Amino acid sequence: MRKKKNLIIITVLIIGILCFCSFKYYAEKVKDKYCLTTQISSRIFDFNTFEVEVDENLKISDFKVINQNSGNTIFEKGKSRKGIVNDYGHRFFELYYKNRKEYEIGHFITDNWVTNDYKLKLSEIDGKIFPEFIITGKNASYYDFCYKRFEYNKQGKLERISFLSFDKKVYNVEEMTE
């Protein structure tokens, strides 16, 4: 009797694991289509990707990226992690270089069922970090796209926050309020 009960439990577990794996495989295939599978899988799985690429004179391990919406660290110590939730609205990422916030980069998501692939290319010019943010995917929109740059003085104190447009034209806070 006990052997039969254990066999039933193991069989149910194996079938459950196989169903879960099959569902995930199927969900990856239809991840950007509006269907019930996508609605369910977007709540369970994170199919968004985030990649960081740096110039040869920078160390990739010096960078950290936090998804501001969820608070999850999605890139640290040279490795990408999951943590970008599919949600509607503004999506912001905080870029840290040597534990100091350098940028906030964001855009607007118009469809919370589709996924995006993000690539952040970083270069250093005259001791300053410059990002190039590339979004690909069905919902890859640069509409309402923004950069916010944090500038520090030689003592490391925050001196100014600049807002940059897509073409990286600088708008200071004072200019935006006039």
C-alpha atoms as a PDB file:
ATOM      1  CA  MET A   1       0.000   0.000   0.000  1.00  0.00           C
ATOM      2  CA  ARG A   2       2.775   2.413   0.970  1.00  0.00           C
ATOM      3  CA  LYS A   3       4.793   1.607  -2.190  1.00  0.00           C
ATOM      4  CA  LYS A   4       1.742   2.285  -4.332  1.00  0.00           C
ATOM      5  CA  LYS A   5       1.164   5.653  -2.613  1.00  0.00           C
ATOM      6  CA  ASN A   6       4.821   6.668  -3.123  1.00  0.00           C
ATOM      7  CA  LEU A   7       4.638   5.621  -6.776  1.00  0.00           C
ATOM      8  CA  ILE A   8       1.533   7.788  -7.294  1.00  0.00           C
ATOM      9  CA  ILE A   9       3.222  10.802  -5.655  1.00  0.00           C
ATOM     10  CA  ILE A  10       6.361  10.401  -7.780  1.00  0.00           C
ATOM     11  CA  THR A  11       4.274   9.981 -10.952  1.00  0.00           C
ATOM     12  CA  VAL A  12       2.258  13.120 -10.192  1.00  0.00           C
ATOM     13  CA  LEU A  13       5.484  15.066  -9.528  1.00  0.00           C
ATOM     14  CA  ILE A  14       7.080  13.903 -12.785  1.00  0.00           C
ATOM     15  CA  ILE A  15       3.948  14.752 -14.776  1.00  0.00           C
ATOM     16  CA  GLY A  16       3.777  18.172 -13.059  1.00  0.00           C
ATOM     17  CA  ILE A  17       7.415  18.946 -13.872  1.00  0.00           C
ATOM     18  CA  LEU A  18       6.966  17.856 -17.491  1.00  0.00           C
ATOM     19  CA  CYS A  19       3.817  19.989 -17.841  1.00  0.00           C
ATOM     20  CA  PHE A  20       5.614  23.011 -16.350  1.00  0.00           C
ATOM     21  CA  CYS A  21       8.611  22.595 -18.696  1.00  0.00           C
ATOM     22  CA  SER A  22       6.331  22.125 -21.710  1.00  0.00           C
ATOM     23  CA  PHE A  23       4.330  25.216 -20.754  1.00  0.00           C
ATOM     24  CA  LYS A  24       7.513  27.286 -20.423  1.00  0.00           C
ATOM     25  CA  TYR A  25       8.800  26.038 -23.803  1.00  0.00           C
ATOM     26  CA  TYR A  26       5.478  26.874 -25.484  1.00  0.00           C
ATOM     27  CA  ALA A  27       5.275  30.235 -23.684  1.00  0.00           C
ATOM     28  CA  GLU A  28       8.702  31.233 -25.061  1.00  0.00           C
ATOM     29  CA  LYS A  29       7.448  30.542 -28.594  1.00  0.00           C
ATOM     30  CA  VAL A  30       4.327  32.721 -28.209  1.00  0.00           C
ATOM     31  CA  LYS A  31       5.753  35.265 -25.754  1.00  0.00           C
ATOM     32  CA  ASP A  32       4.913  38.343 -27.845  1.00  0.00           C
ATOM     33  CA  LYS A  33       1.495  37.290 -29.067  1.00  0.00           C
ATOM     34  CA  TYR A  34      -1.655  38.331 -27.303  1.00  0.00           C
ATOM     35  CA  CYS A  35      -3.116  35.081 -25.988  1.00  0.00           C
ATOM     36  CA  LEU A  36      -4.007  33.426 -22.696  1.00  0.00           C
ATOM     37  CA  THR A  37      -0.633  31.660 -22.534  1.00  0.00           C
ATOM     38  CA  THR A  38       1.192  35.002 -22.768  1.00  0.00           C
ATOM     39  CA  GLN A  39      -1.020  36.579 -20.135  1.00  0.00           C
ATOM     40  CA  ILE A  40      -0.245  33.757 -17.716  1.00  0.00           C
ATOM     41  CA  SER A  41       3.436  33.282 -18.594  1.00  0.00           C
ATOM     42  CA  SER A  42       4.258  37.006 -18.382  1.00  0.00           C
ATOM     43  CA  ARG A  43       3.335  36.833 -14.689  1.00  0.00           C
ATOM     44  CA  ILE A  44       5.414  33.696 -14.042  1.00  0.00           C
ATOM     45  CA  PHE A  45       8.466  33.959 -16.307  1.00  0.00           C
ATOM     46  CA  ASP A  46      10.800  36.822 -17.160  1.00  0.00           C
ATOM     47  CA  PHE A  47      11.597  36.633 -20.868  1.00  0.00           C
ATOM     48  CA  ASN A  48      13.050  40.171 -21.025  1.00  0.00           C
ATOM     49  CA  THR A  49      16.822  40.295 -21.421  1.00  0.00           C
ATOM     50  CA  PHE A  50      19.391  42.880 -20.356  1.00  0.00           C
ATOM     51  CA  GLU A  51      22.935  42.919 -21.687  1.00  0.00           C
ATOM     52  CA  VAL A  52      25.810  45.286 -20.921  1.00  0.00           C
ATOM     53  CA  GLU A  53      28.742  45.866 -23.246  1.00  0.00           C
ATOM     54  CA  VAL A  54      31.757  48.052 -22.335  1.00  0.00           C
ATOM     55  CA  ASP A  55      34.770  49.554 -24.111  1.00  0.00           C
ATOM     56  CA  GLU A  56      38.096  47.811 -23.687  1.00  0.00           C
ATOM     57  CA  ASN A  57      39.319  50.488 -21.246  1.00  0.00           C
ATOM     58  CA  LEU A  58      36.435  49.811 -18.799  1.00  0.00           C
ATOM     59  CA  LYS A  59      35.921  46.838 -16.482  1.00  0.00           C
ATOM     60  CA  ILE A  60      32.462  45.309 -16.849  1.00  0.00           C
ATOM     61  CA  SER A  61      32.542  44.189 -13.210  1.00  0.00           C
ATOM     62  CA  ASP A  62      32.547  47.866 -12.105  1.00  0.00           C
ATOM     63  CA  PHE A  63      28.963  48.310 -13.344  1.00  0.00           C
ATOM     64  CA  LYS A  64      25.635  47.523 -11.747  1.00  0.00           C
ATOM     65  CA  VAL A  65      22.129  48.064 -13.144  1.00  0.00           C
ATOM     66  CA  ILE A  66      18.963  48.146 -11.049  1.00  0.00           C
ATOM     67  CA  ASN A  67      15.455  47.963 -12.448  1.00  0.00           C
ATOM     68  CA  GLN A  68      13.932  50.926 -10.645  1.00  0.00           C
ATOM     69  CA  ASN A  69      10.368  49.620 -11.079  1.00  0.00           C
ATOM     70  CA  SER A  70      10.925  46.345  -9.232  1.00  0.00           C
ATOM     71  CA  GLY A  71      14.046  47.199  -7.235  1.00  0.00           C
ATOM     72  CA  ASN A  72      15.759  44.105  -8.646  1.00  0.00           C
ATOM     73  CA  THR A  73      19.449  44.184  -9.519  1.00  0.00           C
ATOM     74  CA  ILE A  74      19.470  42.959 -13.121  1.00  0.00           C
ATOM     75  CA  PHE A  75      23.187  43.302 -13.848  1.00  0.00           C
ATOM     76  CA  GLU A  76      26.046  42.931 -11.382  1.00  0.00           C
ATOM     77  CA  LYS A  77      29.627  41.624 -11.331  1.00  0.00           C
ATOM     78  CA  GLY A  78      29.619  41.235 -15.108  1.00  0.00           C
ATOM     79  CA  LYS A  79      26.534  39.002 -15.217  1.00  0.00           C
ATOM     80  CA  SER A  80      22.935  39.609 -16.233  1.00  0.00           C
ATOM     81  CA  ARG A  81      20.111  38.471 -14.004  1.00  0.00           C
ATOM     82  CA  LYS A  82      16.394  38.202 -14.415  1.00  0.00           C
ATOM     83  CA  GLY A  83      14.154  40.786 -12.814  1.00  0.00           C
ATOM     84  CA  ILE A  84      12.428  42.895 -15.470  1.00  0.00           C
ATOM     85  CA  VAL A  85       8.724  42.506 -14.892  1.00  0.00           C
ATOM     86  CA  ASN A  86       6.291  42.879 -17.771  1.00  0.00           C
ATOM     87  CA  ASP A  87       4.264  45.899 -16.812  1.00  0.00           C
ATOM     88  CA  TYR A  88       2.621  48.850 -18.484  1.00  0.00           C
ATOM     89  CA  GLY A  89       4.043  52.334 -18.047  1.00  0.00           C
ATOM     90  CA  HIS A  90       7.462  53.845 -17.522  1.00  0.00           C
ATOM     91  CA  ARG A  91      10.379  51.478 -17.101  1.00  0.00           C
ATOM     92  CA  PHE A  92      13.539  52.926 -15.564  1.00  0.00           C
ATOM     93  CA  PHE A  93      17.010  51.475 -15.104  1.00  0.00           C
ATOM     94  CA  GLU A  94      19.660  52.901 -12.760  1.00  0.00           C
ATOM     95  CA  LEU A  95      23.264  52.575 -13.904  1.00  0.00           C
ATOM     96  CA  TYR A  96      25.952  52.516 -11.212  1.00  0.00           C
ATOM     97  CA  TYR A  97      29.679  52.755 -11.892  1.00  0.00           C
ATOM     98  CA  LYS A  98      31.923  51.856  -8.954  1.00  0.00           C
ATOM     99  CA  ASN A  99      28.902  52.086  -6.606  1.00  0.00           C
ATOM    100  CA  ARG A 100      28.003  55.633  -7.701  1.00  0.00           C
ATOM    101  CA  LYS A 101      24.814  56.345  -9.621  1.00  0.00           C
ATOM    102  CA  GLU A 102      25.735  57.697 -13.046  1.00  0.00           C
ATOM    103  CA  TYR A 103      22.508  57.478 -15.067  1.00  0.00           C
ATOM    104  CA  GLU A 104      18.830  56.700 -15.025  1.00  0.00           C
ATOM    105  CA  ILE A 105      17.594  55.484 -18.379  1.00  0.00           C
ATOM    106  CA  GLY A 106      13.947  54.929 -19.149  1.00  0.00           C
ATOM    107  CA  HIS A 107      11.196  54.533 -21.685  1.00  0.00           C
ATOM    108  CA  PHE A 108       7.470  53.926 -21.822  1.00  0.00           C
ATOM    109  CA  ILE A 109       5.978  50.441 -22.242  1.00  0.00           C
ATOM    110  CA  THR A 110       2.693  50.482 -24.136  1.00  0.00           C
ATOM    111  CA  ASP A 111       1.923  46.754 -23.977  1.00  0.00           C
ATOM    112  CA  ASN A 112       2.599  44.693 -20.869  1.00  0.00           C
ATOM    113  CA  TRP A 113       2.270  41.349 -22.664  1.00  0.00           C
ATOM    114  CA  VAL A 114       5.327  41.651 -24.902  1.00  0.00           C
ATOM    115  CA  THR A 115       9.006  41.429 -23.993  1.00  0.00           C
ATOM    116  CA  ASN A 116      12.014  43.547 -24.883  1.00  0.00           C
ATOM    117  CA  ASP A 117      15.709  42.887 -25.235  1.00  0.00           C
ATOM    118  CA  TYR A 118      17.867  45.646 -23.808  1.00  0.00           C
ATOM    119  CA  LYS A 119      21.499  46.317 -24.623  1.00  0.00           C
ATOM    120  CA  LEU A 120      23.500  48.995 -22.837  1.00  0.00           C
ATOM    121  CA  LYS A 121      26.764  49.936 -24.551  1.00  0.00           C
ATOM    122  CA  LEU A 122      29.087  51.936 -22.318  1.00  0.00           C
ATOM    123  CA  SER A 123      32.094  53.969 -23.320  1.00  0.00           C
ATOM    124  CA  GLU A 124      34.443  56.298 -21.471  1.00  0.00           C
ATOM    125  CA  ILE A 125      35.488  59.659 -22.891  1.00  0.00           C
ATOM    126  CA  ASP A 126      37.614  62.073 -20.843  1.00  0.00           C
ATOM    127  CA  GLY A 127      36.894  60.152 -17.640  1.00  0.00           C
ATOM    128  CA  LYS A 128      33.110  60.253 -18.088  1.00  0.00           C
ATOM    129  CA  ILE A 129      30.804  57.324 -18.820  1.00  0.00           C
ATOM    130  CA  PHE A 130      28.536  57.589 -21.859  1.00  0.00           C
ATOM    131  CA  PRO A 131      25.711  55.102 -22.457  1.00  0.00           C
ATOM    132  CA  GLU A 132      24.046  53.997 -25.662  1.00  0.00           C
ATOM    133  CA  PHE A 133      20.785  52.218 -24.901  1.00  0.00           C
ATOM    134  CA  ILE A 134      19.351  49.891 -27.548  1.00  0.00           C
ATOM    135  CA  ILE A 135      15.867  48.402 -27.213  1.00  0.00           C
ATOM    136  CA  THR A 136      14.669  45.618 -29.496  1.00  0.00           C
ATOM    137  CA  GLY A 137      11.421  43.717 -29.499  1.00  0.00           C
ATOM    138  CA  LYS A 138       7.831  44.142 -30.531  1.00  0.00           C
ATOM    139  CA  ASN A 139       7.318  46.907 -27.940  1.00  0.00           C
ATOM    140  CA  ALA A 140      10.697  48.581 -28.536  1.00  0.00           C
ATOM    141  CA  SER A 141       9.737  52.219 -28.515  1.00  0.00           C
ATOM    142  CA  TYR A 142      11.893  55.260 -27.996  1.00  0.00           C
ATOM    143  CA  TYR A 143       8.739  57.286 -27.422  1.00  0.00           C
ATOM    144  CA  ASP A 144       9.082  59.103 -24.121  1.00  0.00           C
ATOM    145  CA  PHE A 145      12.706  57.913 -23.912  1.00  0.00           C
ATOM    146  CA  CYS A 146      15.018  59.713 -21.505  1.00  0.00           C
ATOM    147  CA  TYR A 147      18.452  59.766 -19.947  1.00  0.00           C
ATOM    148  CA  LYS A 148      19.105  61.390 -16.587  1.00  0.00           C
ATOM    149  CA  ARG A 149      22.807  62.005 -15.905  1.00  0.00           C
ATOM    150  CA  PHE A 150      24.162  62.506 -12.380  1.00  0.00           C
ATOM    151  CA  GLU A 151      27.233  64.748 -12.261  1.00  0.00           C
ATOM    152  CA  TYR A 152      29.587  64.885  -9.288  1.00  0.00           C
ATOM    153  CA  ASN A 153      32.312  67.316  -8.251  1.00  0.00           C
ATOM    154  CA  LYS A 154      35.892  66.247  -7.415  1.00  0.00           C
ATOM    155  CA  GLN A 155      34.917  65.524  -3.795  1.00  0.00           C
ATOM    156  CA  GLY A 156      32.259  63.084  -4.976  1.00  0.00           C
ATOM    157  CA  LYS A 157      29.291  65.279  -4.017  1.00  0.00           C
ATOM    158  CA  LEU A 158      26.318  65.393  -6.390  1.00  0.00           C
ATOM    159  CA  GLU A 159      26.592  68.682  -8.215  1.00  0.00           C
ATOM    160  CA  ARG A 160      23.999  68.546 -10.970  1.00  0.00           C
ATOM    161  CA  ILE A 161      21.381  66.330 -12.584  1.00  0.00           C
ATOM    162  CA  SER A 162      21.025  66.762 -16.334  1.00  0.00           C
ATOM    163  CA  PHE A 163      18.170  65.458 -18.447  1.00  0.00           C
ATOM    164  CA  LEU A 164      19.204  64.278 -21.885  1.00  0.00           C
ATOM    165  CA  SER A 165      17.015  63.686 -24.896  1.00  0.00           C
ATOM    166  CA  PHE A 166      17.321  60.699 -27.209  1.00  0.00           C
ATOM    167  CA  ASP A 167      20.024  62.484 -29.205  1.00  0.00           C
ATOM    168  CA  LYS A 168      21.757  63.218 -25.855  1.00  0.00           C
ATOM    169  CA  LYS A 169      21.141  66.971 -25.959  1.00  0.00           C
ATOM    170  CA  VAL A 170      21.460  68.253 -22.384  1.00  0.00           C
ATOM    171  CA  TYR A 171      18.515  69.909 -20.678  1.00  0.00           C
ATOM    172  CA  ASN A 172      19.225  71.299 -17.224  1.00  0.00           C
ATOM    173  CA  VAL A 173      16.429  71.393 -14.659  1.00  0.00           C
ATOM    174  CA  GLU A 174      16.408  75.200 -14.778  1.00  0.00           C
ATOM    175  CA  GLU A 175      15.806  75.179 -18.557  1.00  0.00           C
ATOM    176  CA  MET A 176      12.973  72.670 -18.277  1.00  0.00           C
ATOM    177  CA  THR A 177      11.032  74.785 -15.770  1.00  0.00           C
ATOM    178  CA  GLU A 178      11.195  77.993 -17.821  1.00  0.00           C
END
